[in-house]
Amino acid sequence: MIAKKIEIDWDPNLSIYASEPFLKLVGDEYGWIGGFDDSGNLRCILPYTVIRKSIFRIARFRVETIPVGAQLGIEEEKSFLNSAVDFLRSIRADMIIPATTNTIFRTYPDGA
């Protein structure tokens, strides 16, 4: 799975924590990471924020992986999360902190 930044396209069927007004309120930078399969189909999204604390850039997932269309398998989600970590490294996030207690991921990226 390939992870890359996509445009925010929130609708009321999604968590309020994925909406642009919320993300803008809680982060210095924010966005959605989209997970694409080998055919280029969007399979999932993951909203994130980046906050600056002193010299550190801290990324935080705001909700769990949101499937688009068919449900994701555990291995697909893990592949996406590994790619999402690579994406966050590419935008110079120094650290990724866990999402809030209202978020439950079914798997985790390697090295977490």
PDB file of N, CA and C in Angstrom:
ATOM      1  N   MET A   1       0.843  -1.175   0.000  1.00  0.00           N
ATOM      2  CA  MET A   1       0.000   0.000   0.000  1.00  0.00           C
ATOM      3  C   MET A   1       0.890   1.240   0.000  1.00  0.00           C
ATOM      4  N   ILE A   2       0.508   2.223  -0.741  1.00  0.00           N
ATOM      5  CA  ILE A   2       1.238   3.483  -0.824  1.00  0.00           C
ATOM      6  C   ILE A   2       0.457   4.557  -0.068  1.00  0.00           C
ATOM      7  N   ALA A   3       1.147   5.296   0.787  1.00  0.00           N
ATOM      8  CA  ALA A   3       0.512   6.382   1.541  1.00  0.00           C
ATOM      9  C   ALA A   3       0.998   7.717   1.006  1.00  0.00           C
ATOM     10  N   LYS A   4       0.061   8.613   0.757  1.00  0.00           N
ATOM     11  CA  LYS A   4       0.425   9.967   0.349  1.00  0.00           C
ATOM     12  C   LYS A   4      -0.664  10.934   0.791  1.00  0.00           C
ATOM     13  N   LYS A   5      -0.283  12.199   0.876  1.00  0.00           N
ATOM     14  CA  LYS A   5      -1.234  13.227   1.304  1.00  0.00           C
ATOM     15  C   LYS A   5      -2.323  13.389   0.251  1.00  0.00           C
ATOM     16  N   ILE A   6      -3.563  13.516   0.740  1.00  0.00           N
ATOM     17  CA  ILE A   6      -4.696  13.743  -0.154  1.00  0.00           C
ATOM     18  C   ILE A   6      -5.492  14.935   0.360  1.00  0.00           C
ATOM     19  N   GLU A   7      -6.365  15.439  -0.480  1.00  0.00           N
ATOM     20  CA  GLU A   7      -7.242  16.541  -0.090  1.00  0.00           C
ATOM     21  C   GLU A   7      -8.239  16.065   0.969  1.00  0.00           C
ATOM     22  N   ILE A   8      -8.550  16.918   1.913  1.00  0.00           N
ATOM     23  CA  ILE A   8      -9.556  16.608   2.930  1.00  0.00           C
ATOM     24  C   ILE A   8     -10.928  16.699   2.275  1.00  0.00           C
ATOM     25  N   ASP A   9     -11.697  15.628   2.408  1.00  0.00           N
ATOM     26  CA  ASP A   9     -13.032  15.561   1.814  1.00  0.00           C
ATOM     27  C   ASP A   9     -14.001  15.002   2.862  1.00  0.00           C
ATOM     28  N   TRP A  10     -14.124  15.720   3.972  1.00  0.00           N
ATOM     29  CA  TRP A  10     -14.932  15.260   5.093  1.00  0.00           C
ATOM     30  C   TRP A  10     -16.412  15.342   4.778  1.00  0.00           C
ATOM     31  N   ASP A  11     -17.172  14.377   5.303  1.00  0.00           N
ATOM     32  CA  ASP A  11     -18.630  14.455   5.260  1.00  0.00           C
ATOM     33  C   ASP A  11     -19.169  13.972   6.606  1.00  0.00           C
ATOM     34  N   PRO A  12     -20.432  14.241   6.919  1.00  0.00           N
ATOM     35  CA  PRO A  12     -20.979  13.919   8.244  1.00  0.00           C
ATOM     36  C   PRO A  12     -20.974  12.431   8.612  1.00  0.00           C
ATOM     37  N   ASN A  13     -20.725  11.549   7.660  1.00  0.00           N
ATOM     38  CA  ASN A  13     -20.638  10.121   7.965  1.00  0.00           C
ATOM     39  C   ASN A  13     -19.302   9.755   8.603  1.00  0.00           C
ATOM     40  N   LEU A  14     -18.348  10.675   8.567  1.00  0.00           N
ATOM     41  CA  LEU A  14     -17.023  10.441   9.146  1.00  0.00           C
ATOM     42  C   LEU A  14     -16.948  11.067  10.533  1.00  0.00           C
ATOM     43  N   SER A  15     -15.958  10.656  11.283  1.00  0.00           N
ATOM     44  CA  SER A  15     -15.737  11.212  12.616  1.00  0.00           C
ATOM     45  C   SER A  15     -15.493  12.718  12.535  1.00  0.00           C
ATOM     46  N   ILE A  16     -16.012  13.444  13.514  1.00  0.00           N
ATOM     47  CA  ILE A  16     -15.765  14.886  13.592  1.00  0.00           C
ATOM     48  C   ILE A  16     -14.269  15.148  13.750  1.00  0.00           C
ATOM     49  N   TYR A  17     -13.536  14.188  14.321  1.00  0.00           N
ATOM     50  CA  TYR A  17     -12.095  14.334  14.524  1.00  0.00           C
ATOM     51  C   TYR A  17     -11.308  14.244  13.214  1.00  0.00           C
ATOM     52  N   ALA A  18     -11.993  13.928  12.127  1.00  0.00           N
ATOM     53  CA  ALA A  18     -11.368  13.895  10.808  1.00  0.00           C
ATOM     54  C   ALA A  18     -11.672  15.157  10.007  1.00  0.00           C
ATOM     55  N   SER A  19     -12.493  16.050  10.567  1.00  0.00           N
ATOM     56  CA  SER A  19     -12.912  17.245   9.834  1.00  0.00           C
ATOM     57  C   SER A  19     -11.808  18.307   9.828  1.00  0.00           C
ATOM     58  N   GLU A  20     -11.782  19.098   8.779  1.00  0.00           N
ATOM     59  CA  GLU A  20     -10.760  20.145   8.661  1.00  0.00           C
ATOM     60  C   GLU A  20     -10.827  21.169   9.793  1.00  0.00           C
ATOM     61  N   PRO A  21     -12.017  21.640  10.201  1.00  0.00           N
ATOM     62  CA  PRO A  21     -12.025  22.609  11.306  1.00  0.00           C
ATOM     63  C   PRO A  21     -11.389  22.051  12.584  1.00  0.00           C
ATOM     64  N   PHE A  22     -11.661  20.774  12.905  1.00  0.00           N
ATOM     65  CA  PHE A  22     -11.047  20.182  14.092  1.00  0.00           C
ATOM     66  C   PHE A  22      -9.535  20.062  13.923  1.00  0.00           C
ATOM     67  N   LEU A  23      -9.091  19.517  12.792  1.00  0.00           N
ATOM     68  CA  LEU A  23      -7.660  19.335  12.561  1.00  0.00           C
ATOM     69  C   LEU A  23      -6.923  20.672  12.620  1.00  0.00           C
ATOM     70  N   LYS A  24      -7.513  21.694  12.040  1.00  0.00           N
ATOM     71  CA  LYS A  24      -6.906  23.027  12.041  1.00  0.00           C
ATOM     72  C   LYS A  24      -6.795  23.588  13.452  1.00  0.00           C
ATOM     73  N   LEU A  25      -7.777  23.278  14.283  1.00  0.00           N
ATOM     74  CA  LEU A  25      -7.808  23.768  15.656  1.00  0.00           C
ATOM     75  C   LEU A  25      -6.701  23.153  16.515  1.00  0.00           C
ATOM     76  N   VAL A  26      -6.369  21.887  16.271  1.00  0.00           N
ATOM     77  CA  VAL A  26      -5.453  21.170  17.169  1.00  0.00           C
ATOM     78  C   VAL A  26      -4.046  20.969  16.618  1.00  0.00           C
ATOM     79  N   GLY A  27      -3.762  21.446  15.408  1.00  0.00           N
ATOM     80  CA  GLY A  27      -2.433  21.231  14.845  1.00  0.00           C
ATOM     81  C   GLY A  27      -1.898  22.431  14.103  1.00  0.00           C
ATOM     82  N   ASP A  28      -0.574  22.552  14.106  1.00  0.00           N
ATOM     83  CA  ASP A  28       0.071  23.599  13.320  1.00  0.00           C
ATOM     84  C   ASP A  28       0.001  23.259  11.831  1.00  0.00           C
ATOM     85  N   GLU A  29       0.118  21.972  11.540  1.00  0.00           N
ATOM     86  CA  GLU A  29      -0.059  21.431  10.193  1.00  0.00           C
ATOM     87  C   GLU A  29      -1.029  20.267  10.327  1.00  0.00           C
ATOM     88  N   TYR A  30      -1.729  19.953   9.271  1.00  0.00           N
ATOM     89  CA  TYR A  30      -2.714  18.877   9.346  1.00  0.00           C
ATOM     90  C   TYR A  30      -3.023  18.388   7.948  1.00  0.00           C
ATOM     91  N   GLY A  31      -3.692  17.254   7.886  1.00  0.00           N
ATOM     92  CA  GLY A  31      -4.103  16.722   6.600  1.00  0.00           C
ATOM     93  C   GLY A  31      -4.626  15.311   6.704  1.00  0.00           C
ATOM     94  N   TRP A  32      -4.850  14.735   5.552  1.00  0.00           N
ATOM     95  CA  TRP A  32      -5.258  13.340   5.450  1.00  0.00           C
ATOM     96  C   TRP A  32      -4.186  12.594   4.677  1.00  0.00           C
ATOM     97  N   ILE A  33      -3.859  11.412   5.140  1.00  0.00           N
ATOM     98  CA  ILE A  33      -2.994  10.502   4.405  1.00  0.00           C
ATOM     99  C   ILE A  33      -3.914   9.475   3.757  1.00  0.00           C
ATOM    100  N   GLY A  34      -3.779   9.308   2.455  1.00  0.00           N
ATOM    101  CA  GLY A  34      -4.577   8.319   1.739  1.00  0.00           C
ATOM    102  C   GLY A  34      -3.753   7.074   1.481  1.00  0.00           C
ATOM    103  N   GLY A  35      -4.380   5.918   1.608  1.00  0.00           N
ATOM    104  CA  GLY A  35      -3.731   4.644   1.315  1.00  0.00           C
ATOM    105  C   GLY A  35      -4.225   4.115  -0.014  1.00  0.00           C
ATOM    106  N   PHE A  36      -3.300   3.888  -0.940  1.00  0.00           N
ATOM    107  CA  PHE A  36      -3.651   3.453  -2.292  1.00  0.00           C
ATOM    108  C   PHE A  36      -3.118   2.048  -2.554  1.00  0.00           C
ATOM    109  N   ASP A  37      -3.952   1.209  -3.169  1.00  0.00           N
ATOM    110  CA  ASP A  37      -3.511  -0.142  -3.508  1.00  0.00           C
ATOM    111  C   ASP A  37      -2.691  -0.121  -4.793  1.00  0.00           C
ATOM    112  N   ASP A  38      -2.260  -1.298  -5.237  1.00  0.00           N
ATOM    113  CA  ASP A  38      -1.410  -1.394  -6.426  1.00  0.00           C
ATOM    114  C   ASP A  38      -2.088  -0.896  -7.697  1.00  0.00           C
ATOM    115  N   SER A  39      -3.419  -0.885  -7.708  1.00  0.00           N
ATOM    116  CA  SER A  39      -4.163  -0.395  -8.869  1.00  0.00           C
ATOM    117  C   SER A  39      -4.416   1.100  -8.815  1.00  0.00           C
ATOM    118  N   GLY A  40      -3.966   1.758  -7.737  1.00  0.00           N
ATOM    119  CA  GLY A  40      -4.165   3.193  -7.600  1.00  0.00           C
ATOM    120  C   GLY A  40      -5.494   3.583  -6.990  1.00  0.00           C
ATOM    121  N   ASN A  41      -6.220   2.607  -6.436  1.00  0.00           N
ATOM    122  CA  ASN A  41      -7.511   2.880  -5.807  1.00  0.00           C
ATOM    123  C   ASN A  41      -7.307   3.317  -4.362  1.00  0.00           C
ATOM    124  N   LEU A  42      -8.018   4.380  -3.972  1.00  0.00           N
ATOM    125  CA  LEU A  42      -7.982   4.834  -2.588  1.00  0.00           C
ATOM    126  C   LEU A  42      -8.695   3.801  -1.724  1.00  0.00           C
ATOM    127  N   ARG A  43      -7.982   3.236  -0.742  1.00  0.00           N
ATOM    128  CA  ARG A  43      -8.532   2.179   0.106  1.00  0.00           C
ATOM    129  C   ARG A  43      -8.825   2.639   1.527  1.00  0.00           C
ATOM    130  N   CYS A  44      -8.109   3.714   1.978  1.00  0.00           N
ATOM    131  CA  CYS A  44      -8.317   4.172   3.341  1.00  0.00           C
ATOM    132  C   CYS A  44      -7.756   5.578   3.504  1.00  0.00           C
ATOM    133  N   ILE A  45      -8.166   6.214   4.598  1.00  0.00           N
ATOM    134  CA  ILE A  45      -7.647   7.537   4.930  1.00  0.00           C
ATOM    135  C   ILE A  45      -7.261   7.554   6.409  1.00  0.00           C
ATOM    136  N   LEU A  46      -6.337   8.440   6.735  1.00  0.00           N
ATOM    137  CA  LEU A  46      -5.900   8.591   8.117  1.00  0.00           C
ATOM    138  C   LEU A  46      -5.594  10.063   8.370  1.00  0.00           C
ATOM    139  N   PRO A  47      -6.467  10.758   9.099  1.00  0.00           N
ATOM    140  CA  PRO A  47      -6.229  12.162   9.431  1.00  0.00           C
ATOM    141  C   PRO A  47      -5.071  12.285  10.427  1.00  0.00           C
ATOM    142  N   TYR A  48      -4.292  13.343  10.284  1.00  0.00           N
ATOM    143  CA  TYR A  48      -3.158  13.566  11.184  1.00  0.00           C
ATOM    144  C   TYR A  48      -2.975  15.057  11.421  1.00  0.00           C
ATOM    145  N   THR A  49      -2.265  15.358  12.496  1.00  0.00           N
ATOM    146  CA  THR A  49      -1.833  16.728  12.754  1.00  0.00           C
ATOM    147  C   THR A  49      -0.359  16.699  13.109  1.00  0.00           C
ATOM    148  N   VAL A  50       0.305  17.818  12.924  1.00  0.00           N
ATOM    149  CA  VAL A  50       1.691  17.995  13.348  1.00  0.00           C
ATOM    150  C   VAL A  50       1.721  19.239  14.226  1.00  0.00           C
ATOM    151  N   ILE A  51       2.278  19.078  15.408  1.00  0.00           N
ATOM    152  CA  ILE A  51       2.448  20.231  16.296  1.00  0.00           C
ATOM    153  C   ILE A  51       3.932  20.440  16.530  1.00  0.00           C
ATOM    154  N   ARG A  52       4.298  21.668  16.784  1.00  0.00           N
ATOM    155  CA  ARG A  52       5.692  22.001  17.060  1.00  0.00           C
ATOM    156  C   ARG A  52       5.843  22.262  18.554  1.00  0.00           C
ATOM    157  N   LYS A  53       6.782  21.578  19.163  1.00  0.00           N
ATOM    158  CA  LYS A  53       7.145  21.788  20.564  1.00  0.00           C
ATOM    159  C   LYS A  53       8.646  21.995  20.592  1.00  0.00           C
ATOM    160  N   SER A  54       9.039  23.231  20.850  1.00  0.00           N
ATOM    161  CA  SER A  54      10.456  23.588  20.841  1.00  0.00           C
ATOM    162  C   SER A  54      11.028  23.280  19.463  1.00  0.00           C
ATOM    163  N   ILE A  55      11.991  22.395  19.374  1.00  0.00           N
ATOM    164  CA  ILE A  55      12.606  22.067  18.079  1.00  0.00           C
ATOM    165  C   ILE A  55      12.013  20.814  17.456  1.00  0.00           C
ATOM    166  N   PHE A  56      11.011  20.203  18.112  1.00  0.00           N
ATOM    167  CA  PHE A  56      10.451  18.943  17.643  1.00  0.00           C
ATOM    168  C   PHE A  56       9.163  19.149  16.861  1.00  0.00           C
ATOM    169  N   ARG A  57       8.985  18.297  15.850  1.00  0.00           N
ATOM    170  CA  ARG A  57       7.744  18.233  15.083  1.00  0.00           C
ATOM    171  C   ARG A  57       7.091  16.902  15.435  1.00  0.00           C
ATOM    172  N   ILE A  58       5.945  16.976  16.088  1.00  0.00           N
ATOM    173  CA  ILE A  58       5.283  15.789  16.611  1.00  0.00           C
ATOM    174  C   ILE A  58       4.014  15.523  15.805  1.00  0.00           C
ATOM    175  N   ALA A  59       3.956  14.348  15.175  1.00  0.00           N
ATOM    176  CA  ALA A  59       2.780  13.952  14.402  1.00  0.00           C
ATOM    177  C   ALA A  59       1.859  13.127  15.291  1.00  0.00           C
ATOM    178  N   ARG A  60       0.565  13.295  15.058  1.00  0.00           N
ATOM    179  CA  ARG A  60      -0.423  12.539  15.831  1.00  0.00           C
ATOM    180  C   ARG A  60      -1.575  12.143  14.922  1.00  0.00           C
ATOM    181  N   PHE A  61      -1.927  10.862  14.971  1.00  0.00           N
ATOM    182  CA  PHE A  61      -3.124  10.398  14.278  1.00  0.00           C
ATOM    183  C   PHE A  61      -4.317  10.776  15.143  1.00  0.00           C
ATOM    184  N   ARG A  62      -5.365  11.289  14.533  1.00  0.00           N
ATOM    185  CA  ARG A  62      -6.509  11.768  15.302  1.00  0.00           C
ATOM    186  C   ARG A  62      -7.637  10.750  15.418  1.00  0.00           C
ATOM    187  N   VAL A  63      -7.709   9.816  14.506  1.00  0.00           N
ATOM    188  CA  VAL A  63      -8.672   8.708  14.561  1.00  0.00           C
ATOM    189  C   VAL A  63      -7.987   7.475  13.979  1.00  0.00           C
ATOM    190  N   GLU A  64      -8.656   6.354  14.068  1.00  0.00           N
ATOM    191  CA  GLU A  64      -8.116   5.132  13.494  1.00  0.00           C
ATOM    192  C   GLU A  64      -8.205   5.180  11.967  1.00  0.00           C
ATOM    193  N   THR A  65      -7.573   4.216  11.330  1.00  0.00           N
ATOM    194  CA  THR A  65      -7.629   4.112   9.869  1.00  0.00           C
ATOM    195  C   THR A  65      -9.093   3.992   9.446  1.00  0.00           C
ATOM    196  N   ILE A  66      -9.490   4.835   8.490  1.00  0.00           N
ATOM    197  CA  ILE A  66     -10.874   4.838   7.996  1.00  0.00           C
ATOM    198  C   ILE A  66     -10.904   4.159   6.637  1.00  0.00           C
ATOM    199  N   PRO A  67     -11.553   2.981   6.532  1.00  0.00           N
ATOM    200  CA  PRO A  67     -11.615   2.306   5.234  1.00  0.00           C
ATOM    201  C   PRO A  67     -12.492   3.076   4.254  1.00  0.00           C
ATOM    202  N   VAL A  68     -12.140   3.010   2.988  1.00  0.00           N
ATOM    203  CA  VAL A  68     -12.942   3.598   1.915  1.00  0.00           C
ATOM    204  C   VAL A  68     -13.415   2.432   1.058  1.00  0.00           C
ATOM    205  N   GLY A  69     -14.707   2.236   0.999  1.00  0.00           N
ATOM    206  CA  GLY A  69     -15.240   1.091   0.255  1.00  0.00           C
ATOM    207  C   GLY A  69     -15.133  -0.170   1.087  1.00  0.00           C
ATOM    208  N   ALA A  70     -14.572  -1.222   0.511  1.00  0.00           N
ATOM    209  CA  ALA A  70     -14.466  -2.524   1.175  1.00  0.00           C
ATOM    210  C   ALA A  70     -13.555  -2.451   2.397  1.00  0.00           C
ATOM    211  N   GLN A  71     -13.854  -3.280   3.388  1.00  0.00           N
ATOM    212  CA  GLN A  71     -13.056  -3.346   4.612  1.00  0.00           C
ATOM    213  C   GLN A  71     -11.613  -3.743   4.287  1.00  0.00           C
ATOM    214  N   LEU A  72     -10.681  -3.218   5.069  1.00  0.00           N
ATOM    215  CA  LEU A  72      -9.266  -3.560   4.906  1.00  0.00           C
ATOM    216  C   LEU A  72      -8.939  -4.801   5.719  1.00  0.00           C
ATOM    217  N   GLY A  73      -8.073  -5.646   5.164  1.00  0.00           N
ATOM    218  CA  GLY A  73      -7.538  -6.757   5.939  1.00  0.00           C
ATOM    219  C   GLY A  73      -6.459  -6.229   6.876  1.00  0.00           C
ATOM    220  N   ILE A  74      -6.134  -7.004   7.895  1.00  0.00           N
ATOM    221  CA  ILE A  74      -5.119  -6.593   8.867  1.00  0.00           C
ATOM    222  C   ILE A  74      -3.779  -6.337   8.178  1.00  0.00           C
ATOM    223  N   GLU A  75      -3.360  -7.211   7.284  1.00  0.00           N
ATOM    224  CA  GLU A  75      -2.071  -7.030   6.602  1.00  0.00           C
ATOM    225  C   GLU A  75      -2.076  -5.794   5.704  1.00  0.00           C
ATOM    226  N   GLU A  76      -3.215  -5.503   5.063  1.00  0.00           N
ATOM    227  CA  GLU A  76      -3.322  -4.288   4.252  1.00  0.00           C
ATOM    228  C   GLU A  76      -3.178  -3.045   5.128  1.00  0.00           C
ATOM    229  N   GLU A  77      -3.842  -3.069   6.279  1.00  0.00           N
ATOM    230  CA  GLU A  77      -3.766  -1.915   7.170  1.00  0.00           C
ATOM    231  C   GLU A  77      -2.353  -1.739   7.714  1.00  0.00           C
ATOM    232  N   LYS A  78      -1.692  -2.840   8.050  1.00  0.00           N
ATOM    233  CA  LYS A  78      -0.322  -2.755   8.545  1.00  0.00           C
ATOM    234  C   LYS A  78       0.601  -2.188   7.468  1.00  0.00           C
ATOM    235  N   SER A  79       0.429  -2.642   6.228  1.00  0.00           N
ATOM    236  CA  SER A  79       1.218  -2.118   5.112  1.00  0.00           C
ATOM    237  C   SER A  79       0.979  -0.613   4.959  1.00  0.00           C
ATOM    238  N   PHE A  80      -0.277  -0.194   5.068  1.00  0.00           N
ATOM    239  CA  PHE A  80      -0.604   1.224   4.981  1.00  0.00           C
ATOM    240  C   PHE A  80       0.056   2.009   6.107  1.00  0.00           C
ATOM    241  N   LEU A  81      -0.040   1.507   7.342  1.00  0.00           N
ATOM    242  CA  LEU A  81       0.550   2.228   8.465  1.00  0.00           C
ATOM    243  C   LEU A  81       2.064   2.343   8.331  1.00  0.00           C
ATOM    244  N   ASN A  82       2.724   1.298   7.829  1.00  0.00           N
ATOM    245  CA  ASN A  82       4.168   1.383   7.584  1.00  0.00           C
ATOM    246  C   ASN A  82       4.474   2.471   6.556  1.00  0.00           C
ATOM    247  N   SER A  83       3.664   2.533   5.515  1.00  0.00           N
ATOM    248  CA  SER A  83       3.849   3.557   4.492  1.00  0.00           C
ATOM    249  C   SER A  83       3.518   4.946   5.039  1.00  0.00           C
ATOM    250  N   ALA A  84       2.512   5.036   5.919  1.00  0.00           N
ATOM    251  CA  ALA A  84       2.161   6.322   6.536  1.00  0.00           C
ATOM    252  C   ALA A  84       3.311   6.833   7.397  1.00  0.00           C
ATOM    253  N   VAL A  85       3.998   5.932   8.106  1.00  0.00           N
ATOM    254  CA  VAL A  85       5.165   6.324   8.898  1.00  0.00           C
ATOM    255  C   VAL A  85       6.251   6.869   7.977  1.00  0.00           C
ATOM    256  N   ASP A  86       6.467   6.215   6.834  1.00  0.00           N
ATOM    257  CA  ASP A  86       7.444   6.719   5.860  1.00  0.00           C
ATOM    258  C   ASP A  86       7.060   8.108   5.367  1.00  0.00           C
ATOM    259  N   PHE A  87       5.762   8.321   5.104  1.00  0.00           N
ATOM    260  CA  PHE A  87       5.293   9.637   4.677  1.00  0.00           C
ATOM    261  C   PHE A  87       5.593  10.687   5.739  1.00  0.00           C
ATOM    262  N   LEU A  88       5.282  10.378   7.010  1.00  0.00           N
ATOM    263  CA  LEU A  88       5.521  11.338   8.082  1.00  0.00           C
ATOM    264  C   LEU A  88       7.008  11.630   8.256  1.00  0.00           C
ATOM    265  N   ARG A  89       7.848  10.640   8.039  1.00  0.00           N
ATOM    266  CA  ARG A  89       9.296  10.891   8.057  1.00  0.00           C
ATOM    267  C   ARG A  89       9.687  11.842   6.932  1.00  0.00           C
ATOM    268  N   SER A  90       9.037  11.687   5.771  1.00  0.00           N
ATOM    269  CA  SER A  90       9.377  12.530   4.617  1.00  0.00           C
ATOM    270  C   SER A  90       9.019  13.991   4.839  1.00  0.00           C
ATOM    271  N   ILE A  91       8.050  14.264   5.729  1.00  0.00           N
ATOM    272  CA  ILE A  91       7.700  15.653   6.041  1.00  0.00           C
ATOM    273  C   ILE A  91       8.382  16.102   7.336  1.00  0.00           C
ATOM    274  N   ARG A  92       9.378  15.332   7.745  1.00  0.00           N
ATOM    275  CA  ARG A  92      10.258  15.646   8.871  1.00  0.00           C
ATOM    276  C   ARG A  92       9.581  15.639  10.238  1.00  0.00           C
ATOM    277  N   ALA A  93       8.672  14.701  10.434  1.00  0.00           N
ATOM    278  CA  ALA A  93       8.115  14.502  11.769  1.00  0.00           C
ATOM    279  C   ALA A  93       9.181  13.803  12.609  1.00  0.00           C
ATOM    280  N   ASP A  94       9.484  14.358  13.772  1.00  0.00           N
ATOM    281  CA  ASP A  94      10.496  13.772  14.643  1.00  0.00           C
ATOM    282  C   ASP A  94       9.940  12.627  15.477  1.00  0.00           C
ATOM    283  N   MET A  95       8.648  12.659  15.724  1.00  0.00           N
ATOM    284  CA  MET A  95       8.035  11.684  16.612  1.00  0.00           C
ATOM    285  C   MET A  95       6.579  11.510  16.203  1.00  0.00           C
ATOM    286  N   ILE A  96       6.069  10.302  16.408  1.00  0.00           N
ATOM    287  CA  ILE A  96       4.643  10.043  16.209  1.00  0.00           C
ATOM    288  C   ILE A  96       4.098   9.618  17.565  1.00  0.00           C
ATOM    289  N   ILE A  97       3.078  10.323  18.028  1.00  0.00           N
ATOM    290  CA  ILE A  97       2.495   9.946  19.308  1.00  0.00           C
ATOM    291  C   ILE A  97       1.149   9.280  19.062  1.00  0.00           C
ATOM    292  N   PRO A  98       0.742   8.432  19.994  1.00  0.00           N
ATOM    293  CA  PRO A  98      -0.514   7.697  19.803  1.00  0.00           C
ATOM    294  C   PRO A  98      -1.713   8.634  19.712  1.00  0.00           C
ATOM    295  N   ALA A  99      -2.726   8.098  19.089  1.00  0.00           N
ATOM    296  CA  ALA A  99      -3.991   8.819  19.021  1.00  0.00           C
ATOM    297  C   ALA A  99      -4.625   8.824  20.406  1.00  0.00           C
ATOM    298  N   THR A 100      -5.702   9.547  20.541  1.00  0.00           N
ATOM    299  CA  THR A 100      -6.392   9.635  21.821  1.00  0.00           C
ATOM    300  C   THR A 100      -7.031   8.299  22.187  1.00  0.00           C
ATOM    301  N   THR A 101      -7.542   8.215  23.394  1.00  0.00           N
ATOM    302  CA  THR A 101      -8.114   6.960  23.890  1.00  0.00           C
ATOM    303  C   THR A 101      -9.390   6.546  23.168  1.00  0.00           C
ATOM    304  N   ASN A 102      -9.986   7.423  22.383  1.00  0.00           N
ATOM    305  CA  ASN A 102     -11.184   7.050  21.642  1.00  0.00           C
ATOM    306  C   ASN A 102     -10.854   6.362  20.323  1.00  0.00           C
ATOM    307  N   THR A 103      -9.574   6.101  20.068  1.00  0.00           N
ATOM    308  CA  THR A 103      -9.125   5.528  18.811  1.00  0.00           C
ATOM    309  C   THR A 103      -8.536   4.148  19.052  1.00  0.00           C
ATOM    310  N   ILE A 104      -9.014   3.168  18.290  1.00  0.00           N
ATOM    311  CA  ILE A 104      -8.498   1.811  18.416  1.00  0.00           C
ATOM    312  C   ILE A 104      -8.075   1.317  17.045  1.00  0.00           C
ATOM    313  N   PHE A 105      -6.757   1.110  16.883  1.00  0.00           N
ATOM    314  CA  PHE A 105      -6.225   0.528  15.659  1.00  0.00           C
ATOM    315  C   PHE A 105      -6.254  -0.988  15.794  1.00  0.00           C
ATOM    316  N   ARG A 106      -6.447  -1.700  14.705  1.00  0.00           N
ATOM    317  CA  ARG A 106      -6.448  -3.149  14.740  1.00  0.00           C
ATOM    318  C   ARG A 106      -5.050  -3.735  14.627  1.00  0.00           C
ATOM    319  N   THR A 107      -4.082  -2.937  14.232  1.00  0.00           N
ATOM    320  CA  THR A 107      -2.698  -3.379  14.070  1.00  0.00           C
ATOM    321  C   THR A 107      -1.803  -2.177  14.279  1.00  0.00           C
ATOM    322  N   TYR A 108      -0.526  -2.338  14.098  1.00  0.00           N
ATOM    323  CA  TYR A 108       0.431  -1.245  14.324  1.00  0.00           C
ATOM    324  C   TYR A 108       1.566  -1.349  13.315  1.00  0.00           C
ATOM    325  N   PRO A 109       2.250  -0.236  13.026  1.00  0.00           N
ATOM    326  CA  PRO A 109       3.359  -0.279  12.076  1.00  0.00           C
ATOM    327  C   PRO A 109       4.573  -0.962  12.712  1.00  0.00           C
ATOM    328  N   ASP A 110       5.439  -1.488  11.886  1.00  0.00           N
ATOM    329  CA  ASP A 110       6.669  -2.123  12.364  1.00  0.00           C
ATOM    330  C   ASP A 110       7.465  -1.131  13.192  1.00  0.00           C
ATOM    331  N   GLY A 111       8.032  -1.606  14.279  1.00  0.00           N
ATOM    332  CA  GLY A 111       8.882  -0.765  15.124  1.00  0.00           C
ATOM    333  C   GLY A 111       8.126   0.099  16.107  1.00  0.00           C
ATOM    334  N   ALA A 112       6.807  -0.012  16.154  1.00  0.00           N
ATOM    335  CA  ALA A 112       6.019   0.824  17.071  1.00  0.00           C
ATOM    336  C   ALA A 112       6.194   0.343  18.505  1.00  0.00           C
TER     337      ALA A 112
END
